[in-house]
Amino acid sequence: KKLNLISEDSTTAVSATIHSITPGETETKVV
């Protein structure tokens, strides 16, 4: 996935891999 990391004065685009997914009823934890 492509993530835009937001800091106070800039936005940095990074390429990230989904390490793990933990499903929930309403929310899913993604690492």
Full PDB file with SEQRES, HELIX, SHEET, SSBOND, CRYST1, ORIGX, SCALE, CONECT and MASTER records, all heavy atoms in Angstrom:
SEQRES   1 A   31  LYS LYS LEU ASN LEU ILE SER GLU ASP SER THR THR ALA          
SEQRES   2 A   31  VAL SER ALA THR ILE HIS SER ILE THR PRO GLY GLU THR          
SEQRES   3 A   31  GLU THR LYS VAL VAL                                          
SHEET    1 AA1 2 LYS A   2  ILE A   6  0                                        
SHEET    2 AA1 2 THR A  11  SER A  15 -1                                        
SHEET    1 AA2 2 ILE A  21  THR A  22  0                                        
SHEET    2 AA2 2 LYS A  29  VAL A  30 -1                                        
CRYST1    1.000    1.000    1.000  90.00  90.00  90.00 P 1           1          
ORIGX1      1.000000  0.000000  0.000000        0.00000                         
ORIGX2      0.000000  1.000000  0.000000        0.00000                         
ORIGX3      0.000000  0.000000  1.000000        0.00000                         
SCALE1      1.000000  0.000000  0.000000        0.00000                         
SCALE2      0.000000  1.000000  0.000000        0.00000                         
SCALE3      0.000000  0.000000  1.000000        0.00000                         
ATOM      1  N   LYS A   1       0.841  -1.188   0.000  1.00  0.00           N  
ATOM      2  CA  LYS A   1       0.000   0.000   0.000  1.00  0.00           C  
ATOM      3  C   LYS A   1       0.880   1.244   0.000  1.00  0.00           C  
ATOM      4  O   LYS A   1       1.968   1.255   0.567  1.00  0.00           O  
ATOM      5  CB  LYS A   1      -0.918   0.026   1.233  1.00  0.00           C  
ATOM      6  CG  LYS A   1      -1.882  -1.147   1.326  1.00  0.00           C  
ATOM      7  CD  LYS A   1      -2.899  -1.116   0.211  1.00  0.00           C  
ATOM      8  CE  LYS A   1      -3.861  -2.287   0.304  1.00  0.00           C  
ATOM      9  NZ  LYS A   1      -4.849  -2.286  -0.806  1.00  0.00           N  
ATOM     10  N   LYS A   2       0.395   2.295  -0.637  1.00  0.00           N  
ATOM     11  CA  LYS A   2       1.074   3.579  -0.632  1.00  0.00           C  
ATOM     12  C   LYS A   2       0.494   4.426   0.507  1.00  0.00           C  
ATOM     13  O   LYS A   2      -0.712   4.674   0.546  1.00  0.00           O  
ATOM     14  CB  LYS A   2       0.896   4.310  -1.959  1.00  0.00           C  
ATOM     15  CG  LYS A   2       1.477   3.576  -3.152  1.00  0.00           C  
ATOM     16  CD  LYS A   2       2.997   3.569  -3.110  1.00  0.00           C  
ATOM     17  CE  LYS A   2       3.578   2.951  -4.377  1.00  0.00           C  
ATOM     18  NZ  LYS A   2       5.052   2.916  -4.355  1.00  0.00           N  
ATOM     19  N   LEU A   3       1.384   4.855   1.425  1.00  0.00           N  
ATOM     20  CA  LEU A   3       0.955   5.662   2.554  1.00  0.00           C  
ATOM     21  C   LEU A   3       1.543   7.066   2.429  1.00  0.00           C  
ATOM     22  O   LEU A   3       2.699   7.228   2.039  1.00  0.00           O  
ATOM     23  CB  LEU A   3       1.413   5.052   3.876  1.00  0.00           C  
ATOM     24  CG  LEU A   3       1.028   3.604   4.175  1.00  0.00           C  
ATOM     25  CD1 LEU A   3       1.506   3.223   5.570  1.00  0.00           C  
ATOM     26  CD2 LEU A   3      -0.468   3.403   4.050  1.00  0.00           C  
ATOM     27  N   ASN A   4       0.740   8.056   2.776  1.00  0.00           N  
ATOM     28  CA  ASN A   4       1.220   9.437   2.879  1.00  0.00           C  
ATOM     29  C   ASN A   4       1.374   9.763   4.362  1.00  0.00           C  
ATOM     30  O   ASN A   4       0.378   9.900   5.083  1.00  0.00           O  
ATOM     31  CB  ASN A   4       0.242  10.408   2.216  1.00  0.00           C  
ATOM     32  CG  ASN A   4       0.183  10.218   0.709  1.00  0.00           C  
ATOM     33  OD1 ASN A   4       1.209  10.049   0.062  1.00  0.00           O  
ATOM     34  ND2 ASN A   4      -1.006  10.257   0.155  1.00  0.00           N  
ATOM     35  N   LEU A   5       2.628   9.869   4.822  1.00  0.00           N  
ATOM     36  CA  LEU A   5       2.908  10.141   6.225  1.00  0.00           C  
ATOM     37  C   LEU A   5       2.912  11.640   6.436  1.00  0.00           C  
ATOM     38  O   LEU A   5       3.653  12.376   5.779  1.00  0.00           O  
ATOM     39  CB  LEU A   5       4.256   9.539   6.619  1.00  0.00           C  
ATOM     40  CG  LEU A   5       4.450   8.049   6.280  1.00  0.00           C  
ATOM     41  CD1 LEU A   5       5.799   7.568   6.782  1.00  0.00           C  
ATOM     42  CD2 LEU A   5       3.315   7.210   6.867  1.00  0.00           C  
ATOM     43  N   ILE A   6       2.086  12.102   7.370  1.00  0.00           N  
ATOM     44  CA  ILE A   6       1.847  13.530   7.544  1.00  0.00           C  
ATOM     45  C   ILE A   6       2.599  14.036   8.764  1.00  0.00           C  
ATOM     46  O   ILE A   6       2.395  13.558   9.881  1.00  0.00           O  
ATOM     47  CB  ILE A   6       0.341  13.808   7.704  1.00  0.00           C  
ATOM     48  CG1 ILE A   6      -0.436  13.227   6.512  1.00  0.00           C  
ATOM     49  CG2 ILE A   6       0.077  15.298   7.848  1.00  0.00           C  
ATOM     50  CD1 ILE A   6      -1.931  13.210   6.705  1.00  0.00           C  
ATOM     51  N   SER A   7       3.488  15.003   8.546  1.00  0.00           N  
ATOM     52  CA  SER A   7       4.167  15.680   9.650  1.00  0.00           C  
ATOM     53  C   SER A   7       3.689  17.126   9.695  1.00  0.00           C  
ATOM     54  O   SER A   7       2.803  17.511   8.931  1.00  0.00           O  
ATOM     55  CB  SER A   7       5.687  15.609   9.475  1.00  0.00           C  
ATOM     56  OG  SER A   7       6.079  16.217   8.264  1.00  0.00           O  
ATOM     57  N   GLU A   8       4.272  17.933  10.577  1.00  0.00           N  
ATOM     58  CA  GLU A   8       3.788  19.295  10.761  1.00  0.00           C  
ATOM     59  C   GLU A   8       3.944  20.149   9.503  1.00  0.00           C  
ATOM     60  O   GLU A   8       3.109  21.007   9.224  1.00  0.00           O  
ATOM     61  CB  GLU A   8       4.530  19.959  11.922  1.00  0.00           C  
ATOM     62  CG  GLU A   8       4.173  19.360  13.283  1.00  0.00           C  
ATOM     63  CD  GLU A   8       4.845  20.103  14.411  1.00  0.00           C  
ATOM     64  OE1 GLU A   8       5.603  21.063  14.126  1.00  0.00           O  
ATOM     65  OE2 GLU A   8       4.627  19.736  15.574  1.00  0.00           O  
ATOM     66  N   ASP A   9       5.013  19.918   8.761  1.00  0.00           N  
ATOM     67  CA  ASP A   9       5.278  20.804   7.627  1.00  0.00           C  
ATOM     68  C   ASP A   9       5.414  20.094   6.286  1.00  0.00           C  
ATOM     69  O   ASP A   9       5.767  20.730   5.291  1.00  0.00           O  
ATOM     70  CB  ASP A   9       6.552  21.609   7.890  1.00  0.00           C  
ATOM     71  CG  ASP A   9       7.743  20.718   8.234  1.00  0.00           C  
ATOM     72  OD1 ASP A   9       7.556  19.496   8.275  1.00  0.00           O  
ATOM     73  OD2 ASP A   9       8.842  21.257   8.461  1.00  0.00           O  
ATOM     74  N   SER A  10       5.157  18.799   6.246  1.00  0.00           N  
ATOM     75  CA  SER A  10       5.304  18.099   4.968  1.00  0.00           C  
ATOM     76  C   SER A  10       4.539  16.780   4.993  1.00  0.00           C  
ATOM     77  O   SER A  10       4.094  16.308   6.038  1.00  0.00           O  
ATOM     78  CB  SER A  10       6.789  17.828   4.664  1.00  0.00           C  
ATOM     79  OG  SER A  10       7.332  16.948   5.628  1.00  0.00           O  
ATOM     80  N   THR A  11       4.408  16.199   3.804  1.00  0.00           N  
ATOM     81  CA  THR A  11       3.806  14.869   3.644  1.00  0.00           C  
ATOM     82  C   THR A  11       4.789  14.003   2.884  1.00  0.00           C  
ATOM     83  O   THR A  11       5.281  14.391   1.826  1.00  0.00           O  
ATOM     84  CB  THR A  11       2.468  14.958   2.886  1.00  0.00           C  
ATOM     85  OG1 THR A  11       1.553  15.763   3.637  1.00  0.00           O  
ATOM     86  CG2 THR A  11       1.873  13.572   2.693  1.00  0.00           C  
ATOM     87  N   THR A  12       5.080  12.819   3.433  1.00  0.00           N  
ATOM     88  CA  THR A  12       6.064  11.917   2.845  1.00  0.00           C  
ATOM     89  C   THR A  12       5.369  10.659   2.351  1.00  0.00           C  
ATOM     90  O   THR A  12       4.664   9.989   3.108  1.00  0.00           O  
ATOM     91  CB  THR A  12       7.141  11.535   3.874  1.00  0.00           C  
ATOM     92  OG1 THR A  12       7.733  12.719   4.399  1.00  0.00           O  
ATOM     93  CG2 THR A  12       8.213  10.660   3.235  1.00  0.00           C  
ATOM     94  N   ALA A  13       5.558  10.330   1.067  1.00  0.00           N  
ATOM     95  CA  ALA A  13       4.954   9.133   0.491  1.00  0.00           C  
ATOM     96  C   ALA A  13       5.902   7.948   0.661  1.00  0.00           C  
ATOM     97  O   ALA A  13       7.083   8.037   0.321  1.00  0.00           O  
ATOM     98  CB  ALA A  13       4.656   9.350  -0.985  1.00  0.00           C  
ATOM     99  N   VAL A  14       5.393   6.849   1.215  1.00  0.00           N  
ATOM    100  CA  VAL A  14       6.199   5.650   1.404  1.00  0.00           C  
ATOM    101  C   VAL A  14       5.431   4.435   0.882  1.00  0.00           C  
ATOM    102  O   VAL A  14       4.206   4.425   0.841  1.00  0.00           O  
ATOM    103  CB  VAL A  14       6.572   5.424   2.891  1.00  0.00           C  
ATOM    104  CG1 VAL A  14       7.307   6.620   3.451  1.00  0.00           C  
ATOM    105  CG2 VAL A  14       5.338   5.130   3.720  1.00  0.00           C  
ATOM    106  N   SER A  15       6.191   3.437   0.519  1.00  0.00           N  
ATOM    107  CA  SER A  15       5.614   2.161   0.125  1.00  0.00           C  
ATOM    108  C   SER A  15       5.680   1.222   1.322  1.00  0.00           C  
ATOM    109  O   SER A  15       6.751   0.997   1.876  1.00  0.00           O  
ATOM    110  CB  SER A  15       6.388   1.574  -1.060  1.00  0.00           C  
ATOM    111  OG  SER A  15       5.861   0.325  -1.437  1.00  0.00           O  
ATOM    112  N   ALA A  16       4.541   0.704   1.752  1.00  0.00           N  
ATOM    113  CA  ALA A  16       4.465  -0.138   2.947  1.00  0.00           C  
ATOM    114  C   ALA A  16       3.828  -1.477   2.604  1.00  0.00           C  
ATOM    115  O   ALA A  16       2.934  -1.561   1.753  1.00  0.00           O  
ATOM    116  CB  ALA A  16       3.676   0.551   4.050  1.00  0.00           C  
ATOM    117  N   THR A  17       4.299  -2.513   3.287  1.00  0.00           N  
ATOM    118  CA  THR A  17       3.755  -3.852   3.112  1.00  0.00           C  
ATOM    119  C   THR A  17       2.851  -4.182   4.294  1.00  0.00           C  
ATOM    120  O   THR A  17       3.183  -3.867   5.442  1.00  0.00           O  
ATOM    121  CB  THR A  17       4.881  -4.894   3.030  1.00  0.00           C  
ATOM    122  OG1 THR A  17       5.736  -4.571   1.937  1.00  0.00           O  
ATOM    123  CG2 THR A  17       4.322  -6.296   2.832  1.00  0.00           C  
ATOM    124  N   ILE A  18       1.710  -4.803   4.029  1.00  0.00           N  
ATOM    125  CA  ILE A  18       0.835  -5.231   5.123  1.00  0.00           C  
ATOM    126  C   ILE A  18       1.491  -6.416   5.814  1.00  0.00           C  
ATOM    127  O   ILE A  18       1.641  -7.496   5.236  1.00  0.00           O  
ATOM    128  CB  ILE A  18      -0.559  -5.612   4.607  1.00  0.00           C  
ATOM    129  CG1 ILE A  18      -1.231  -4.389   3.985  1.00  0.00           C  
ATOM    130  CG2 ILE A  18      -1.410  -6.173   5.734  1.00  0.00           C  
ATOM    131  CD1 ILE A  18      -2.610  -4.665   3.419  1.00  0.00           C  
ATOM    132  N   HIS A  19       1.919  -6.201   7.054  1.00  0.00           N  
ATOM    133  CA  HIS A  19       2.592  -7.249   7.826  1.00  0.00           C  
ATOM    134  C   HIS A  19       1.586  -8.244   8.387  1.00  0.00           C  
ATOM    135  O   HIS A  19       1.808  -9.460   8.355  1.00  0.00           O  
ATOM    136  CB  HIS A  19       3.397  -6.609   8.954  1.00  0.00           C  
ATOM    137  CG  HIS A  19       4.108  -7.577   9.838  1.00  0.00           C  
ATOM    138  ND1 HIS A  19       3.527  -8.104  10.978  1.00  0.00           N  
ATOM    139  CD2 HIS A  19       5.335  -8.137   9.747  1.00  0.00           C  
ATOM    140  CE1 HIS A  19       4.378  -8.933  11.555  1.00  0.00           C  
ATOM    141  NE2 HIS A  19       5.476  -8.967  10.821  1.00  0.00           N  
ATOM    142  N   SER A  20       0.471  -7.740   8.910  1.00  0.00           N  
ATOM    143  CA  SER A  20      -0.563  -8.619   9.462  1.00  0.00           C  
ATOM    144  C   SER A  20      -1.887  -7.886   9.512  1.00  0.00           C  
ATOM    145  O   SER A  20      -1.934  -6.652   9.530  1.00  0.00           O  
ATOM    146  CB  SER A  20      -0.178  -9.099  10.866  1.00  0.00           C  
ATOM    147  OG  SER A  20      -0.090  -8.007  11.768  1.00  0.00           O  
ATOM    148  N   ILE A  21      -2.978  -8.665   9.535  1.00  0.00           N  
ATOM    149  CA  ILE A  21      -4.336  -8.137   9.639  1.00  0.00           C  
ATOM    150  C   ILE A  21      -5.074  -8.916  10.716  1.00  0.00           C  
ATOM    151  O   ILE A  21      -5.077 -10.151  10.704  1.00  0.00           O  
ATOM    152  CB  ILE A  21      -5.102  -8.241   8.303  1.00  0.00           C  
ATOM    153  CG1 ILE A  21      -4.422  -7.403   7.225  1.00  0.00           C  
ATOM    154  CG2 ILE A  21      -6.542  -7.791   8.469  1.00  0.00           C  
ATOM    155  CD1 ILE A  21      -5.136  -7.446   5.890  1.00  0.00           C  
ATOM    156  N   THR A  22      -5.691  -8.188  11.658  1.00  0.00           N  
ATOM    157  CA  THR A  22      -6.465  -8.828  12.725  1.00  0.00           C  
ATOM    158  C   THR A  22      -7.893  -8.322  12.632  1.00  0.00           C  
ATOM    159  O   THR A  22      -8.195  -7.198  13.067  1.00  0.00           O  
ATOM    160  CB  THR A  22      -5.878  -8.506  14.109  1.00  0.00           C  
ATOM    161  OG1 THR A  22      -4.486  -8.841  14.133  1.00  0.00           O  
ATOM    162  CG2 THR A  22      -6.611  -9.262  15.198  1.00  0.00           C  
ATOM    163  N   PRO A  23      -8.821  -9.109  12.058  1.00  0.00           N  
ATOM    164  CA  PRO A  23     -10.204  -8.653  11.863  1.00  0.00           C  
ATOM    165  C   PRO A  23     -10.941  -8.474  13.194  1.00  0.00           C  
ATOM    166  O   PRO A  23     -10.675  -9.164  14.178  1.00  0.00           O  
ATOM    167  CB  PRO A  23     -10.836  -9.781  11.031  1.00  0.00           C  
ATOM    168  CG  PRO A  23      -9.677 -10.543  10.467  1.00  0.00           C  
ATOM    169  CD  PRO A  23      -8.591 -10.433  11.486  1.00  0.00           C  
ATOM    170  N   GLY A  24     -11.871  -7.519  13.193  1.00  0.00           N  
ATOM    171  CA  GLY A  24     -12.768  -7.305  14.318  1.00  0.00           C  
ATOM    172  C   GLY A  24     -14.173  -7.090  13.815  1.00  0.00           C  
ATOM    173  O   GLY A  24     -14.419  -7.060  12.610  1.00  0.00           O  
ATOM    174  N   GLU A  25     -15.132  -6.925  14.731  1.00  0.00           N  
ATOM    175  CA  GLU A  25     -16.524  -6.758  14.320  1.00  0.00           C  
ATOM    176  C   GLU A  25     -16.726  -5.483  13.518  1.00  0.00           C  
ATOM    177  O   GLU A  25     -17.331  -5.497  12.450  1.00  0.00           O  
ATOM    178  CB  GLU A  25     -17.434  -6.733  15.561  1.00  0.00           C  
ATOM    179  CG  GLU A  25     -17.668  -8.114  16.154  1.00  0.00           C  
ATOM    180  CD  GLU A  25     -18.755  -8.068  17.208  1.00  0.00           C  
ATOM    181  OE1 GLU A  25     -19.568  -7.132  17.196  1.00  0.00           O  
ATOM    182  OE2 GLU A  25     -18.776  -8.975  18.044  1.00  0.00           O  
ATOM    183  N   THR A  26     -16.239  -4.385  14.051  1.00  0.00           N  
ATOM    184  CA  THR A  26     -16.416  -3.095  13.368  1.00  0.00           C  
ATOM    185  C   THR A  26     -15.098  -2.523  12.863  1.00  0.00           C  
ATOM    186  O   THR A  26     -15.090  -1.774  11.898  1.00  0.00           O  
ATOM    187  CB  THR A  26     -17.072  -2.070  14.313  1.00  0.00           C  
ATOM    188  OG1 THR A  26     -16.243  -1.900  15.466  1.00  0.00           O  
ATOM    189  CG2 THR A  26     -18.448  -2.545  14.746  1.00  0.00           C  
ATOM    190  N   GLU A  27     -13.990  -2.865  13.527  1.00  0.00           N  
ATOM    191  CA  GLU A  27     -12.677  -2.353  13.132  1.00  0.00           C  
ATOM    192  C   GLU A  27     -11.688  -3.498  12.965  1.00  0.00           C  
ATOM    193  O   GLU A  27     -11.768  -4.512  13.675  1.00  0.00           O  
ATOM    194  CB  GLU A  27     -12.144  -1.348  14.157  1.00  0.00           C  
ATOM    195  CG  GLU A  27     -12.891  -0.026  14.166  1.00  0.00           C  
ATOM    196  CD  GLU A  27     -12.181   1.007  15.021  1.00  0.00           C  
ATOM    197  OE1 GLU A  27     -11.622   0.616  16.069  1.00  0.00           O  
ATOM    198  OE2 GLU A  27     -12.168   2.191  14.637  1.00  0.00           O  
ATOM    199  N   THR A  28     -10.769  -3.307  12.036  1.00  0.00           N  
ATOM    200  CA  THR A  28      -9.726  -4.292  11.777  1.00  0.00           C  
ATOM    201  C   THR A  28      -8.361  -3.656  12.038  1.00  0.00           C  
ATOM    202  O   THR A  28      -8.098  -2.557  11.555  1.00  0.00           O  
ATOM    203  CB  THR A  28      -9.796  -4.799  10.326  1.00  0.00           C  
ATOM    204  OG1 THR A  28     -11.015  -5.536  10.149  1.00  0.00           O  
ATOM    205  CG2 THR A  28      -8.619  -5.713  10.001  1.00  0.00           C  
ATOM    206  N   LYS A  29      -7.533  -4.362  12.823  1.00  0.00           N  
ATOM    207  CA  LYS A  29      -6.186  -3.852  13.080  1.00  0.00           C  
ATOM    208  C   LYS A  29      -5.261  -4.254  11.946  1.00  0.00           C  
ATOM    209  O   LYS A  29      -5.181  -5.425  11.573  1.00  0.00           O  
ATOM    210  CB  LYS A  29      -5.651  -4.403  14.405  1.00  0.00           C  
ATOM    211  CG  LYS A  29      -4.301  -3.789  14.785  1.00  0.00           C  
ATOM    212  CD  LYS A  29      -3.789  -4.323  16.110  1.00  0.00           C  
ATOM    213  CE  LYS A  29      -3.054  -5.630  15.931  1.00  0.00           C  
ATOM    214  NZ  LYS A  29      -2.367  -6.067  17.148  1.00  0.00           N  
ATOM    215  N   VAL A  30      -4.566  -3.268  11.384  1.00  0.00           N  
ATOM    216  CA  VAL A  30      -3.633  -3.506  10.286  1.00  0.00           C  
ATOM    217  C   VAL A  30      -2.251  -3.050  10.726  1.00  0.00           C  
ATOM    218  O   VAL A  30      -2.097  -1.954  11.260  1.00  0.00           O  
ATOM    219  CB  VAL A  30      -4.057  -2.762   9.011  1.00  0.00           C  
ATOM    220  CG1 VAL A  30      -3.073  -3.035   7.877  1.00  0.00           C  
ATOM    221  CG2 VAL A  30      -5.472  -3.155   8.600  1.00  0.00           C  
ATOM    222  N   VAL A  31      -1.247  -3.905  10.512  1.00  0.00           N  
ATOM    223  CA  VAL A  31       0.135  -3.565  10.814  1.00  0.00           C  
ATOM    224  C   VAL A  31       0.889  -3.434   9.495  1.00  0.00           C  
ATOM    225  O   VAL A  31       0.958  -4.382   8.714  1.00  0.00           O  
ATOM    226  CB  VAL A  31       0.809  -4.625  11.700  1.00  0.00           C  
ATOM    227  CG1 VAL A  31       2.266  -4.230  11.980  1.00  0.00           C  
ATOM    228  CG2 VAL A  31       0.050  -4.784  13.010  1.00  0.00           C  
TER     229      VAL A  31                                                      
MASTER        0    0    0    0    4    0    0    6  228    1    0    3          
END                                                                             
